[in-house]
């Protein structure tokens, strides 16, 4: 994994693009301290992105279910005395 300073990044994109092609990721530094990792875009979602999408869909389903349940009519409170009187 190669490191590029902010100055090198501003000066030329070609070196970063070449490093991304060969290594797949580069680290950007500012005053010698790393502040960002740049990875090559593959077009395929990462495991973290797949998990985030699964959680988003799960939350959306739960929200829709909660809303549907809220629209359902509620039953009247159950009266045990009336139930026993009918027996």
PDB file of N, CA and C in Angstrom:
ATOM      1  N   UNK A   1       0.851  -1.161   0.000  1.00  0.00           N
ATOM      2  CA  UNK A   1       0.000   0.000   0.000  1.00  0.00           C
ATOM      3  C   UNK A   1       0.906   1.236   0.000  1.00  0.00           C
ATOM      4  N   UNK A   2       0.680   2.090  -0.971  1.00  0.00           N
ATOM      5  CA  UNK A   2       1.512   3.290  -1.092  1.00  0.00           C
ATOM      6  C   UNK A   2       0.877   4.452  -0.358  1.00  0.00           C
ATOM      7  N   UNK A   3       1.730   5.379   0.060  1.00  0.00           N
ATOM      8  CA  UNK A   3       1.272   6.598   0.721  1.00  0.00           C
ATOM      9  C   UNK A   3       1.537   7.789  -0.181  1.00  0.00           C
ATOM     10  N   UNK A   4       0.566   8.694  -0.210  1.00  0.00           N
ATOM     11  CA  UNK A   4       0.696   9.926  -0.979  1.00  0.00           C
ATOM     12  C   UNK A   4       0.368  11.092  -0.067  1.00  0.00           C
ATOM     13  N   UNK A   5       1.180  12.130  -0.152  1.00  0.00           N
ATOM     14  CA  UNK A   5       0.889  13.333   0.626  1.00  0.00           C
ATOM     15  C   UNK A   5      -0.177  14.147  -0.102  1.00  0.00           C
ATOM     16  N   UNK A   6      -0.704  15.123   0.586  1.00  0.00           N
ATOM     17  CA  UNK A   6      -1.710  15.999  -0.029  1.00  0.00           C
ATOM     18  C   UNK A   6      -1.093  16.726  -1.215  1.00  0.00           C
ATOM     19  N   UNK A   7       0.148  17.134  -1.081  1.00  0.00           N
ATOM     20  CA  UNK A   7       0.832  17.836  -2.175  1.00  0.00           C
ATOM     21  C   UNK A   7       0.946  16.935  -3.403  1.00  0.00           C
ATOM     22  N   UNK A   8       1.327  15.664  -3.194  1.00  0.00           N
ATOM     23  CA  UNK A   8       1.423  14.727  -4.316  1.00  0.00           C
ATOM     24  C   UNK A   8       0.042  14.469  -4.932  1.00  0.00           C
ATOM     25  N   UNK A   9      -0.967  14.426  -4.094  1.00  0.00           N
ATOM     26  CA  UNK A   9      -2.318  14.193  -4.585  1.00  0.00           C
ATOM     27  C   UNK A   9      -2.767  15.345  -5.488  1.00  0.00           C
ATOM     28  N   UNK A  10      -2.487  16.574  -5.054  1.00  0.00           N
ATOM     29  CA  UNK A  10      -2.878  17.742  -5.839  1.00  0.00           C
ATOM     30  C   UNK A  10      -2.063  17.858  -7.130  1.00  0.00           C
ATOM     31  N   UNK A  11      -0.803  17.455  -7.073  1.00  0.00           N
ATOM     32  CA  UNK A  11       0.090  17.622  -8.212  1.00  0.00           C
ATOM     33  C   UNK A  11      -0.250  16.681  -9.360  1.00  0.00           C
ATOM     34  N   UNK A  12      -0.645  15.470  -9.059  1.00  0.00           N
ATOM     35  CA  UNK A  12      -0.894  14.545 -10.157  1.00  0.00           C
ATOM     36  C   UNK A  12      -1.777  13.381  -9.765  1.00  0.00           C
ATOM     37  N   UNK A  13      -2.831  13.253 -10.502  1.00  0.00           N
ATOM     38  CA  UNK A  13      -3.761  12.160 -10.262  1.00  0.00           C
ATOM     39  C   UNK A  13      -3.247  10.850 -10.839  1.00  0.00           C
ATOM     40  N   UNK A  14      -2.417  10.920 -11.858  1.00  0.00           N
ATOM     41  CA  UNK A  14      -1.960   9.728 -12.578  1.00  0.00           C
ATOM     42  C   UNK A  14      -1.240   8.735 -11.688  1.00  0.00           C
ATOM     43  N   UNK A  15      -0.392   9.225 -10.792  1.00  0.00           N
ATOM     44  CA  UNK A  15       0.364   8.321  -9.910  1.00  0.00           C
ATOM     45  C   UNK A  15      -0.582   7.610  -8.945  1.00  0.00           C
ATOM     46  N   UNK A  16      -1.560   8.329  -8.446  1.00  0.00           N
ATOM     47  CA  UNK A  16      -2.527   7.707  -7.525  1.00  0.00           C
ATOM     48  C   UNK A  16      -3.360   6.682  -8.272  1.00  0.00           C
ATOM     49  N   UNK A  17      -3.791   7.014  -9.482  1.00  0.00           N
ATOM     50  CA  UNK A  17      -4.583   6.070 -10.273  1.00  0.00           C
ATOM     51  C   UNK A  17      -3.789   4.807 -10.570  1.00  0.00           C
ATOM     52  N   UNK A  18      -2.532   4.959 -10.890  1.00  0.00           N
ATOM     53  CA  UNK A  18      -1.689   3.793 -11.174  1.00  0.00           C
ATOM     54  C   UNK A  18      -1.505   2.939  -9.926  1.00  0.00           C
ATOM     55  N   UNK A  19      -1.291   3.592  -8.786  1.00  0.00           N
ATOM     56  CA  UNK A  19      -1.129   2.847  -7.532  1.00  0.00           C
ATOM     57  C   UNK A  19      -2.424   2.134  -7.159  1.00  0.00           C
ATOM     58  N   UNK A  20      -3.550   2.759  -7.393  1.00  0.00           N
ATOM     59  CA  UNK A  20      -4.842   2.117  -7.114  1.00  0.00           C
ATOM     60  C   UNK A  20      -5.042   0.900  -8.001  1.00  0.00           C
ATOM     61  N   UNK A  21      -4.646   1.017  -9.259  1.00  0.00           N
ATOM     62  CA  UNK A  21      -4.771  -0.119 -10.174  1.00  0.00           C
ATOM     63  C   UNK A  21      -3.912  -1.295  -9.740  1.00  0.00           C
ATOM     64  N   UNK A  22      -2.695  -0.999  -9.311  1.00  0.00           N
ATOM     65  CA  UNK A  22      -1.784  -2.092  -8.958  1.00  0.00           C
ATOM     66  C   UNK A  22      -2.003  -2.620  -7.543  1.00  0.00           C
ATOM     67  N   UNK A  23      -2.170  -1.732  -6.568  1.00  0.00           N
ATOM     68  CA  UNK A  23      -2.275  -2.152  -5.166  1.00  0.00           C
ATOM     69  C   UNK A  23      -3.715  -2.294  -4.679  1.00  0.00           C
ATOM     70  N   UNK A  24      -4.629  -1.544  -5.259  1.00  0.00           N
ATOM     71  CA  UNK A  24      -6.020  -1.608  -4.822  1.00  0.00           C
ATOM     72  C   UNK A  24      -6.383  -0.577  -3.778  1.00  0.00           C
ATOM     73  N   UNK A  25      -5.372  -0.026  -3.071  1.00  0.00           N
ATOM     74  CA  UNK A  25      -5.655   1.024  -2.105  1.00  0.00           C
ATOM     75  C   UNK A  25      -4.408   1.849  -1.843  1.00  0.00           C
ATOM     76  N   UNK A  26      -4.619   3.115  -1.490  1.00  0.00           N
ATOM     77  CA  UNK A  26      -3.530   4.019  -1.136  1.00  0.00           C
ATOM     78  C   UNK A  26      -3.931   4.780   0.122  1.00  0.00           C
ATOM     79  N   UNK A  27      -2.929   5.291   0.825  1.00  0.00           N
ATOM     80  CA  UNK A  27      -3.166   6.084   2.031  1.00  0.00           C
ATOM     81  C   UNK A  27      -2.749   7.512   1.735  1.00  0.00           C
ATOM     82  N   UNK A  28      -3.604   8.460   2.107  1.00  0.00           N
ATOM     83  CA  UNK A  28      -3.289   9.876   1.936  1.00  0.00           C
ATOM     84  C   UNK A  28      -2.810  10.421   3.275  1.00  0.00           C
ATOM     85  N   UNK A  29      -1.731  11.217   3.239  1.00  0.00           N
ATOM     86  CA  UNK A  29      -1.165  11.758   4.469  1.00  0.00           C
ATOM     87  C   UNK A  29      -1.144  13.272   4.418  1.00  0.00           C
ATOM     88  N   UNK A  30      -1.153  13.866   5.595  1.00  0.00           N
ATOM     89  CA  UNK A  30      -1.034  15.312   5.742  1.00  0.00           C
ATOM     90  C   UNK A  30      -0.017  15.551   6.858  1.00  0.00           C
ATOM     91  N   UNK A  31       1.081  16.189   6.536  1.00  0.00           N
ATOM     92  CA  UNK A  31       2.198  16.374   7.470  1.00  0.00           C
ATOM     93  C   UNK A  31       2.689  15.032   8.006  1.00  0.00           C
ATOM     94  N   UNK A  32       2.703  14.027   7.136  1.00  0.00           N
ATOM     95  CA  UNK A  32       3.227  12.715   7.508  1.00  0.00           C
ATOM     96  C   UNK A  32       2.261  11.819   8.286  1.00  0.00           C
ATOM     97  N   UNK A  33       1.074  12.336   8.611  1.00  0.00           N
ATOM     98  CA  UNK A  33       0.095  11.543   9.364  1.00  0.00           C
ATOM     99  C   UNK A  33      -1.011  11.075   8.428  1.00  0.00           C
ATOM    100  N   UNK A  34      -1.314   9.796   8.424  1.00  0.00           N
ATOM    101  CA  UNK A  34      -2.383   9.305   7.545  1.00  0.00           C
ATOM    102  C   UNK A  34      -3.740   9.855   7.980  1.00  0.00           C
ATOM    103  N   UNK A  35      -4.538  10.271   6.999  1.00  0.00           N
ATOM    104  CA  UNK A  35      -5.875  10.768   7.326  1.00  0.00           C
ATOM    105  C   UNK A  35      -6.964  10.123   6.472  1.00  0.00           C
ATOM    106  N   UNK A  36      -6.596   9.400   5.413  1.00  0.00           N
ATOM    107  CA  UNK A  36      -7.618   8.761   4.581  1.00  0.00           C
ATOM    108  C   UNK A  36      -7.031   7.561   3.865  1.00  0.00           C
ATOM    109  N   UNK A  37      -7.892   6.561   3.680  1.00  0.00           N
ATOM    110  CA  UNK A  37      -7.515   5.404   2.876  1.00  0.00           C
ATOM    111  C   UNK A  37      -8.447   5.394   1.668  1.00  0.00           C
ATOM    112  N   UNK A  38      -7.871   5.347   0.490  1.00  0.00           N
ATOM    113  CA  UNK A  38      -8.641   5.338  -0.747  1.00  0.00           C
ATOM    114  C   UNK A  38      -8.535   3.946  -1.344  1.00  0.00           C
ATOM    115  N   UNK A  39      -9.683   3.352  -1.639  1.00  0.00           N
ATOM    116  CA  UNK A  39      -9.695   2.025  -2.240  1.00  0.00           C
ATOM    117  C   UNK A  39     -10.248   2.108  -3.647  1.00  0.00           C
ATOM    118  N   UNK A  40      -9.847   1.180  -4.474  1.00  0.00           N
ATOM    119  CA  UNK A  40     -10.322   1.138  -5.852  1.00  0.00           C
ATOM    120  C   UNK A  40     -11.779   0.695  -5.867  1.00  0.00           C
ATOM    121  N   UNK A  41     -12.553   1.289  -6.737  1.00  0.00           N
ATOM    122  CA  UNK A  41     -13.963   0.937  -6.868  1.00  0.00           C
ATOM    123  C   UNK A  41     -14.078  -0.294  -7.753  1.00  0.00           C
ATOM    124  N   UNK A  42     -14.674  -1.349  -7.219  1.00  0.00           N
ATOM    125  CA  UNK A  42     -14.795  -2.591  -7.985  1.00  0.00           C
ATOM    126  C   UNK A  42     -16.181  -2.765  -8.574  1.00  0.00           C
ATOM    127  N   UNK A  43     -17.136  -1.992  -8.098  1.00  0.00           N
ATOM    128  CA  UNK A  43     -18.500  -2.141  -8.589  1.00  0.00           C
ATOM    129  C   UNK A  43     -19.306  -3.135  -7.779  1.00  0.00           C
ATOM    130  N   UNK A  44     -18.645  -3.944  -6.988  1.00  0.00           N
ATOM    131  CA  UNK A  44     -19.323  -4.921  -6.143  1.00  0.00           C
ATOM    132  C   UNK A  44     -19.399  -4.372  -4.726  1.00  0.00           C
ATOM    133  N   UNK A  45     -20.525  -4.567  -4.038  1.00  0.00           N
ATOM    134  CA  UNK A  45     -20.634  -4.045  -2.671  1.00  0.00           C
ATOM    135  C   UNK A  45     -19.732  -4.812  -1.705  1.00  0.00           C
ATOM    136  N   UNK A  46     -19.228  -4.083  -0.723  1.00  0.00           N
ATOM    137  CA  UNK A  46     -18.406  -4.717   0.301  1.00  0.00           C
ATOM    138  C   UNK A  46     -19.312  -5.432   1.297  1.00  0.00           C
ATOM    139  N   UNK A  47     -18.730  -6.238   2.154  1.00  0.00           N
ATOM    140  CA  UNK A  47     -19.510  -6.951   3.166  1.00  0.00           C
ATOM    141  C   UNK A  47     -20.221  -5.965   4.089  1.00  0.00           C
ATOM    142  N   UNK A  48     -19.559  -4.867   4.422  1.00  0.00           N
ATOM    143  CA  UNK A  48     -20.173  -3.855   5.287  1.00  0.00           C
ATOM    144  C   UNK A  48     -21.372  -3.201   4.599  1.00  0.00           C
ATOM    145  N   UNK A  49     -21.252  -2.939   3.295  1.00  0.00           N
ATOM    146  CA  UNK A  49     -22.367  -2.342   2.558  1.00  0.00           C
ATOM    147  C   UNK A  49     -23.541  -3.309   2.457  1.00  0.00           C
ATOM    148  N   UNK A  50     -23.258  -4.587   2.258  1.00  0.00           N
ATOM    149  CA  UNK A  50     -24.322  -5.597   2.190  1.00  0.00           C
ATOM    150  C   UNK A  50     -25.042  -5.678   3.532  1.00  0.00           C
ATOM    151  N   UNK A  51     -24.285  -5.680   4.616  1.00  0.00           N
ATOM    152  CA  UNK A  51     -24.881  -5.744   5.957  1.00  0.00           C
ATOM    153  C   UNK A  51     -25.704  -4.493   6.245  1.00  0.00           C
ATOM    154  N   UNK A  52     -25.195  -3.322   5.859  1.00  0.00           N
ATOM    155  CA  UNK A  52     -25.939  -2.076   6.066  1.00  0.00           C
ATOM    156  C   UNK A  52     -27.249  -2.095   5.288  1.00  0.00           C
ATOM    157  N   UNK A  53     -27.236  -2.601   4.074  1.00  0.00           N
ATOM    158  CA  UNK A  53     -28.462  -2.689   3.273  1.00  0.00           C
ATOM    159  C   UNK A  53     -29.449  -3.669   3.894  1.00  0.00           C
ATOM    160  N   UNK A  54     -28.952  -4.797   4.419  1.00  0.00           N
ATOM    161  CA  UNK A  54     -29.820  -5.774   5.071  1.00  0.00           C
ATOM    162  C   UNK A  54     -30.482  -5.152   6.298  1.00  0.00           C
ATOM    163  N   UNK A  55     -29.713  -4.405   7.078  1.00  0.00           N
ATOM    164  CA  UNK A  55     -30.277  -3.747   8.266  1.00  0.00           C
ATOM    165  C   UNK A  55     -31.286  -2.681   7.887  1.00  0.00           C
ATOM    166  N   UNK A  56     -30.990  -1.921   6.811  1.00  0.00           N
ATOM    167  CA  UNK A  56     -31.927  -0.882   6.371  1.00  0.00           C
ATOM    168  C   UNK A  56     -33.258  -1.500   5.946  1.00  0.00           C
ATOM    169  N   UNK A  57     -33.185  -2.610   5.192  1.00  0.00           N
ATOM    170  CA  UNK A  57     -34.414  -3.273   4.759  1.00  0.00           C
ATOM    171  C   UNK A  57     -35.175  -3.866   5.936  1.00  0.00           C
ATOM    172  N   UNK A  58     -34.445  -4.411   6.899  1.00  0.00           N
ATOM    173  CA  UNK A  58     -35.078  -4.982   8.076  1.00  0.00           C
ATOM    174  C   UNK A  58     -35.800  -3.890   8.865  1.00  0.00           C
ATOM    175  N   UNK A  59     -35.130  -2.722   9.033  1.00  0.00           N
ATOM    176  CA  UNK A  59     -35.769  -1.612   9.735  1.00  0.00           C
ATOM    177  C   UNK A  59     -36.996  -1.111   8.980  1.00  0.00           C
ATOM    178  N   UNK A  60     -36.912  -1.049   7.662  1.00  0.00           N
ATOM    179  CA  UNK A  60     -38.044  -0.591   6.859  1.00  0.00           C
ATOM    180  C   UNK A  60     -39.215  -1.561   7.004  1.00  0.00           C
ATOM    181  N   UNK A  61     -38.934  -2.866   7.002  1.00  0.00           N
ATOM    182  CA  UNK A  61     -40.000  -3.856   7.173  1.00  0.00           C
ATOM    183  C   UNK A  61     -40.627  -3.706   8.553  1.00  0.00           C
ATOM    184  N   UNK A  62     -39.814  -3.549   9.594  1.00  0.00           N
ATOM    185  CA  UNK A  62     -40.338  -3.411  10.956  1.00  0.00           C
ATOM    186  C   UNK A  62     -41.185  -2.147  11.085  1.00  0.00           C
ATOM    187  N   UNK A  63     -40.734  -1.054  10.472  1.00  0.00           N
ATOM    188  CA  UNK A  63     -41.513   0.189  10.515  1.00  0.00           C
ATOM    189  C   UNK A  63     -42.851   0.017   9.817  1.00  0.00           C
ATOM    190  N   UNK A  64     -42.844  -0.630   8.653  1.00  0.00           N
ATOM    191  CA  UNK A  64     -44.091  -0.854   7.916  1.00  0.00           C
ATOM    192  C   UNK A  64     -45.034  -1.751   8.725  1.00  0.00           C
ATOM    193  N   UNK A  65     -44.494  -2.769   9.365  1.00  0.00           N
ATOM    194  CA  UNK A  65     -45.316  -3.674  10.177  1.00  0.00           C
ATOM    195  C   UNK A  65     -45.904  -2.931  11.372  1.00  0.00           C
ATOM    196  N   UNK A  66     -45.094  -2.080  12.013  1.00  0.00           N
ATOM    197  CA  UNK A  66     -45.569  -1.299  13.152  1.00  0.00           C
ATOM    198  C   UNK A  66     -46.706  -0.372  12.732  1.00  0.00           C
ATOM    199  N   UNK A  67     -46.556   0.252  11.560  1.00  0.00           N
ATOM    200  CA  UNK A  67     -47.610   1.142  11.066  1.00  0.00           C
ATOM    201  C   UNK A  67     -48.879   0.356  10.749  1.00  0.00           C
ATOM    202  N   UNK A  68     -48.731  -0.823  10.158  1.00  0.00           N
ATOM    203  CA  UNK A  68     -49.898  -1.650   9.842  1.00  0.00           C
ATOM    204  C   UNK A  68     -50.613  -2.083  11.112  1.00  0.00           C
ATOM    205  N   UNK A  69     -49.872  -2.461  12.118  1.00  0.00           N
ATOM    206  CA  UNK A  69     -50.485  -2.859  13.386  1.00  0.00           C
ATOM    207  C   UNK A  69     -51.180  -1.683  14.057  1.00  0.00           C
ATOM    208  N   UNK A  70     -50.633  -0.500  13.911  1.00  0.00           N
ATOM    209  CA  UNK A  70     -51.248   0.688  14.509  1.00  0.00           C
ATOM    210  C   UNK A  70     -52.580   1.016  13.839  1.00  0.00           C
ATOM    211  N   UNK A  71     -52.731   0.659  12.564  1.00  0.00           N
ATOM    212  CA  UNK A  71     -53.992   0.938  11.863  1.00  0.00           C
ATOM    213  C   UNK A  71     -55.059  -0.109  12.147  1.00  0.00           C
ATOM    214  N   UNK A  72     -54.679  -1.253  12.732  1.00  0.00           N
ATOM    215  CA  UNK A  72     -55.659  -2.303  13.011  1.00  0.00           C
ATOM    216  C   UNK A  72     -56.572  -1.882  14.157  1.00  0.00           C
ATOM    217  N   UNK A  73     -57.849  -2.257  14.073  1.00  0.00           N
ATOM    218  CA  UNK A  73     -58.759  -1.906  15.171  1.00  0.00           C
ATOM    219  C   UNK A  73     -58.363  -2.663  16.439  1.00  0.00           C
ATOM    220  N   UNK A  74     -58.501  -1.998  17.543  1.00  0.00           N
ATOM    221  CA  UNK A  74     -58.154  -2.610  18.817  1.00  0.00           C
ATOM    222  C   UNK A  74     -59.385  -3.313  19.388  1.00  0.00           C
ATOM    223  N   UNK A  75     -59.182  -4.414  20.084  1.00  0.00           N
ATOM    224  CA  UNK A  75     -60.262  -5.128  20.742  1.00  0.00           C
ATOM    225  C   UNK A  75     -60.644  -4.405  22.027  1.00  0.00           C
ATOM    226  N   UNK A  76     -61.885  -4.530  22.388  1.00  0.00           N
ATOM    227  CA  UNK A  76     -62.344  -3.946  23.648  1.00  0.00           C
ATOM    228  C   UNK A  76     -61.705  -4.708  24.807  1.00  0.00           C
ATOM    229  N   UNK A  77     -61.564  -4.077  25.945  1.00  0.00           N
ATOM    230  CA  UNK A  77     -61.010  -4.781  27.094  1.00  0.00           C
ATOM    231  C   UNK A  77     -61.880  -5.989  27.451  1.00  0.00           C
ATOM    232  N   UNK A  78     -61.228  -7.061  27.836  1.00  0.00           N
ATOM    233  CA  UNK A  78     -61.945  -8.292  28.154  1.00  0.00           C
ATOM    234  C   UNK A  78     -62.515  -8.210  29.567  1.00  0.00           C
ATOM    235  N   UNK A  79     -63.784  -8.578  29.694  1.00  0.00           N
ATOM    236  CA  UNK A  79     -64.468  -8.513  30.996  1.00  0.00           C
ATOM    237  C   UNK A  79     -64.701  -9.937  31.496  1.00  0.00           C
ATOM    238  N   UNK A  80     -63.937 -10.350  32.486  1.00  0.00           N
ATOM    239  CA  UNK A  80     -64.058 -11.707  33.004  1.00  0.00           C
ATOM    240  C   UNK A  80     -65.409 -11.935  33.684  1.00  0.00           C
ATOM    241  N   UNK A  81     -65.933 -10.940  34.345  1.00  0.00           N
ATOM    242  CA  UNK A  81     -67.232 -11.109  35.023  1.00  0.00           C
ATOM    243  C   UNK A  81     -68.343 -11.374  34.007  1.00  0.00           C
ATOM    244  N   UNK A  82     -68.334 -10.660  32.885  1.00  0.00           N
ATOM    245  CA  UNK A  82     -69.333 -10.891  31.849  1.00  0.00           C
ATOM    246  C   UNK A  82     -69.141 -12.277  31.239  1.00  0.00           C
ATOM    247  N   UNK A  83     -67.921 -12.707  31.099  1.00  0.00           N
ATOM    248  CA  UNK A  83     -67.632 -14.039  30.553  1.00  0.00           C
ATOM    249  C   UNK A  83     -68.179 -15.123  31.491  1.00  0.00           C
ATOM    250  N   UNK A  84     -67.949 -14.963  32.783  1.00  0.00           N
ATOM    251  CA  UNK A  84     -68.430 -15.965  33.740  1.00  0.00           C
ATOM    252  C   UNK A  84     -69.953 -15.956  33.810  1.00  0.00           C
ATOM    253  N   UNK A  85     -70.560 -14.791  33.643  1.00  0.00           N
ATOM    254  CA  UNK A  85     -72.016 -14.701  33.722  1.00  0.00           C
ATOM    255  C   UNK A  85     -72.670 -15.412  32.536  1.00  0.00           C
ATOM    256  N   UNK A  86     -72.008 -15.446  31.397  1.00  0.00           N
ATOM    257  CA  UNK A  86     -72.551 -16.098  30.215  1.00  0.00           C
ATOM    258  C   UNK A  86     -72.429 -17.598  30.293  1.00  0.00           C
ATOM    259  N   UNK A  87     -71.641 -18.152  31.178  1.00  0.00           N
ATOM    260  CA  UNK A  87     -71.428 -19.596  31.259  1.00  0.00           C
ATOM    261  C   UNK A  87     -72.538 -20.305  31.924  1.00  0.00           C
TER     262      UNK A  87
END
